[in-house]
Amino acid sequence: MPVSSRKGGLGWVLQALTGAVLTAVVVAHLVRVHLQGSYKGLPTYGEVLMAFKNPLVVASELALLVAALYHALYGLHMVLVEAKLVSEGKSRKMLSTLGILLFAYALLLTLYLAAKPYP
């Protein structure tokens, strides 16, 4: 099913939904790490590695990555197409390839951190 860029289309709805998810996650991050975390200090590298041992943390990080990649790349796609800088088909192919490569890199990095022994 093609993702429509018109207002109310699936692409537009997913863009709005991922924007709301990213806003909520950024607010939660700011509160947890920078407001609550400042009382006892910011998390250490070891604490972050320990968090990555939890499959729920890994799944959450990957879900956040998918939302951020979709939101950023779809927004860039719309700018490129609406400004007539690139055709819609070429933009989709180019940005889909970029998205797959970025996701693969981040997935490998996440799995590496999850498998890395605690210092």
C-alpha atoms as a PDB file:
ATOM      1  CA  MET A   1       0.000   0.000   0.000  1.00  0.00           C
ATOM      2  CA  PRO A   2       1.560   3.334  -1.015  1.00  0.00           C
ATOM      3  CA  VAL A   3       1.974   5.910   1.721  1.00  0.00           C
ATOM      4  CA  SER A   4       0.108   9.045   0.663  1.00  0.00           C
ATOM      5  CA  SER A   5       1.583  12.462   1.330  1.00  0.00           C
ATOM      6  CA  ARG A   6      -1.747  14.280   1.187  1.00  0.00           C
ATOM      7  CA  LYS A   7      -3.195  15.585   4.430  1.00  0.00           C
ATOM      8  CA  GLY A   8      -5.152  12.783   6.066  1.00  0.00           C
ATOM      9  CA  GLY A   9      -3.279  10.086   4.130  1.00  0.00           C
ATOM     10  CA  LEU A  10      -1.450   7.265   5.870  1.00  0.00           C
ATOM     11  CA  GLY A  11       1.950   8.974   5.532  1.00  0.00           C
ATOM     12  CA  TRP A  12       0.624  12.177   7.054  1.00  0.00           C
ATOM     13  CA  VAL A  13      -1.021  10.282   9.938  1.00  0.00           C
ATOM     14  CA  LEU A  14       2.189   8.327  10.635  1.00  0.00           C
ATOM     15  CA  GLN A  15       4.183  11.581  10.509  1.00  0.00           C
ATOM     16  CA  ALA A  16       1.886  13.154  13.121  1.00  0.00           C
ATOM     17  CA  LEU A  17       1.886   9.999  15.272  1.00  0.00           C
ATOM     18  CA  THR A  18       5.680   9.651  15.263  1.00  0.00           C
ATOM     19  CA  GLY A  19       5.975  13.359  16.073  1.00  0.00           C
ATOM     20  CA  ALA A  20       3.766  12.882  19.137  1.00  0.00           C
ATOM     21  CA  VAL A  21       5.709   9.774  20.223  1.00  0.00           C
ATOM     22  CA  LEU A  22       9.049  11.564  19.835  1.00  0.00           C
ATOM     23  CA  THR A  23       7.779  14.556  21.825  1.00  0.00           C
ATOM     24  CA  ALA A  24       6.636  12.294  24.676  1.00  0.00           C
ATOM     25  CA  VAL A  25       9.938  10.392  24.703  1.00  0.00           C
ATOM     26  CA  VAL A  26      12.017  13.584  24.730  1.00  0.00           C
ATOM     27  CA  VAL A  27       9.979  14.971  27.647  1.00  0.00           C
ATOM     28  CA  ALA A  28      10.342  11.673  29.553  1.00  0.00           C
ATOM     29  CA  HIS A  29      14.096  11.668  28.852  1.00  0.00           C
ATOM     30  CA  LEU A  30      14.512  15.245  30.058  1.00  0.00           C
ATOM     31  CA  VAL A  31      12.572  14.564  33.246  1.00  0.00           C
ATOM     32  CA  ARG A  32      14.235  11.212  34.026  1.00  0.00           C
ATOM     33  CA  VAL A  33      17.849  11.922  33.152  1.00  0.00           C
ATOM     34  CA  HIS A  34      18.273  15.655  33.554  1.00  0.00           C
ATOM     35  CA  LEU A  35      15.827  16.519  36.347  1.00  0.00           C
ATOM     36  CA  GLN A  36      15.555  13.369  38.472  1.00  0.00           C
ATOM     37  CA  GLY A  37      18.991  12.094  37.484  1.00  0.00           C
ATOM     38  CA  SER A  38      20.719  15.293  38.522  1.00  0.00           C
ATOM     39  CA  TYR A  39      19.989  14.511  42.195  1.00  0.00           C
ATOM     40  CA  LYS A  40      22.131  11.380  42.128  1.00  0.00           C
ATOM     41  CA  GLY A  41      24.277  12.188  39.091  1.00  0.00           C
ATOM     42  CA  LEU A  42      23.902  11.227  35.460  1.00  0.00           C
ATOM     43  CA  PRO A  43      23.986   7.528  34.536  1.00  0.00           C
ATOM     44  CA  THR A  44      27.462   6.088  34.074  1.00  0.00           C
ATOM     45  CA  TYR A  45      28.584   4.124  31.024  1.00  0.00           C
ATOM     46  CA  GLY A  46      28.353   0.931  33.068  1.00  0.00           C
ATOM     47  CA  GLU A  47      24.768   1.707  34.100  1.00  0.00           C
ATOM     48  CA  VAL A  48      23.837   2.291  30.473  1.00  0.00           C
ATOM     49  CA  LEU A  49      25.418  -1.044  29.492  1.00  0.00           C
ATOM     50  CA  MET A  50      23.484  -2.772  32.283  1.00  0.00           C
ATOM     51  CA  ALA A  51      20.254  -1.223  31.005  1.00  0.00           C
ATOM     52  CA  PHE A  52      20.934  -2.715  27.563  1.00  0.00           C
ATOM     53  CA  LYS A  53      20.913  -6.200  29.126  1.00  0.00           C
ATOM     54  CA  ASN A  54      17.149  -5.778  29.542  1.00  0.00           C
ATOM     55  CA  PRO A  55      15.328  -6.908  26.341  1.00  0.00           C
ATOM     56  CA  LEU A  56      12.572  -4.361  27.020  1.00  0.00           C
ATOM     57  CA  VAL A  57      15.126  -1.528  26.913  1.00  0.00           C
ATOM     58  CA  VAL A  58      16.558  -2.851  23.641  1.00  0.00           C
ATOM     59  CA  ALA A  59      13.072  -3.158  22.118  1.00  0.00           C
ATOM     60  CA  SER A  60      12.168   0.348  23.314  1.00  0.00           C
ATOM     61  CA  GLU A  61      15.359   1.820  21.852  1.00  0.00           C
ATOM     62  CA  LEU A  62      14.738   0.129  18.511  1.00  0.00           C
ATOM     63  CA  ALA A  63      11.094   1.277  18.450  1.00  0.00           C
ATOM     64  CA  LEU A  64      12.238   4.824  19.164  1.00  0.00           C
ATOM     65  CA  LEU A  65      14.802   4.517  16.379  1.00  0.00           C
ATOM     66  CA  VAL A  66      12.137   3.423  13.884  1.00  0.00           C
ATOM     67  CA  ALA A  67       9.891   6.347  14.881  1.00  0.00           C
ATOM     68  CA  ALA A  68      12.741   8.868  14.630  1.00  0.00           C
ATOM     69  CA  LEU A  69      13.976   7.529  11.285  1.00  0.00           C
ATOM     70  CA  TYR A  70      10.485   7.489   9.776  1.00  0.00           C
ATOM     71  CA  HIS A  71       9.685  10.982  11.048  1.00  0.00           C
ATOM     72  CA  ALA A  72      12.962  12.488   9.830  1.00  0.00           C
ATOM     73  CA  LEU A  73      13.135  10.745   6.469  1.00  0.00           C
ATOM     74  CA  TYR A  74       9.454  11.228   5.599  1.00  0.00           C
ATOM     75  CA  GLY A  75       9.745  14.917   6.495  1.00  0.00           C
ATOM     76  CA  LEU A  76      12.815  15.214   4.266  1.00  0.00           C
ATOM     77  CA  HIS A  77      10.966  13.336   1.511  1.00  0.00           C
ATOM     78  CA  MET A  78       8.098  15.826   1.637  1.00  0.00           C
ATOM     79  CA  VAL A  79      10.475  18.809   1.472  1.00  0.00           C
ATOM     80  CA  LEU A  80      12.350  17.342  -1.496  1.00  0.00           C
ATOM     81  CA  VAL A  81       9.163  16.488  -3.395  1.00  0.00           C
ATOM     82  CA  GLU A  82       7.221  19.677  -2.620  1.00  0.00           C
ATOM     83  CA  ALA A  83      10.218  21.859  -3.535  1.00  0.00           C
ATOM     84  CA  LYS A  84      10.488  19.821  -6.753  1.00  0.00           C
ATOM     85  CA  LEU A  85      14.153  19.092  -6.064  1.00  0.00           C
ATOM     86  CA  VAL A  86      13.742  15.351  -6.695  1.00  0.00           C
ATOM     87  CA  SER A  87      10.957  13.245  -8.178  1.00  0.00           C
ATOM     88  CA  GLU A  88       8.754  11.396  -5.713  1.00  0.00           C
ATOM     89  CA  GLY A  89       9.929   7.979  -6.907  1.00  0.00           C
ATOM     90  CA  LYS A  90      13.616   8.868  -6.735  1.00  0.00           C
ATOM     91  CA  SER A  91      13.160  10.438  -3.289  1.00  0.00           C
ATOM     92  CA  ARG A  92      11.415   7.309  -1.981  1.00  0.00           C
ATOM     93  CA  LYS A  93      14.147   5.004  -3.283  1.00  0.00           C
ATOM     94  CA  MET A  94      16.979   7.206  -2.039  1.00  0.00           C
ATOM     95  CA  LEU A  95      15.530   7.818   1.435  1.00  0.00           C
ATOM     96  CA  SER A  96      14.315   4.226   1.852  1.00  0.00           C
ATOM     97  CA  THR A  97      17.846   3.007   1.140  1.00  0.00           C
ATOM     98  CA  LEU A  98      19.273   5.553   3.584  1.00  0.00           C
ATOM     99  CA  GLY A  99      16.720   4.522   6.228  1.00  0.00           C
ATOM    100  CA  ILE A 100      17.539   0.828   5.840  1.00  0.00           C
ATOM    101  CA  LEU A 101      21.283   1.499   6.102  1.00  0.00           C
ATOM    102  CA  LEU A 102      20.873   3.713   9.184  1.00  0.00           C
ATOM    103  CA  PHE A 103      18.580   1.183  10.855  1.00  0.00           C
ATOM    104  CA  ALA A 104      20.991  -1.682  10.119  1.00  0.00           C
ATOM    105  CA  TYR A 105      23.904   0.297  11.578  1.00  0.00           C
ATOM    106  CA  ALA A 106      21.936   1.232  14.711  1.00  0.00           C
ATOM    107  CA  LEU A 107      20.661  -2.339  15.100  1.00  0.00           C
ATOM    108  CA  LEU A 108      24.208  -3.709  14.985  1.00  0.00           C
ATOM    109  CA  LEU A 109      25.376  -1.080  17.478  1.00  0.00           C
ATOM    110  CA  THR A 110      22.457  -1.855  19.819  1.00  0.00           C
ATOM    111  CA  LEU A 111      23.113  -5.596  19.662  1.00  0.00           C
ATOM    112  CA  TYR A 112      26.825  -4.969  20.279  1.00  0.00           C
ATOM    113  CA  LEU A 113      26.026  -2.926  23.403  1.00  0.00           C
ATOM    114  CA  ALA A 114      23.573  -5.581  24.590  1.00  0.00           C
ATOM    115  CA  ALA A 115      26.210  -8.317  24.189  1.00  0.00           C
ATOM    116  CA  LYS A 116      29.126  -6.313  25.607  1.00  0.00           C
ATOM    117  CA  PRO A 117      30.227  -7.511  29.057  1.00  0.00           C
ATOM    118  CA  TYR A 118      29.623  -5.200  31.987  1.00  0.00           C
ATOM    119  CA  PRO A 119      32.882  -3.372  32.897  1.00  0.00           C
END
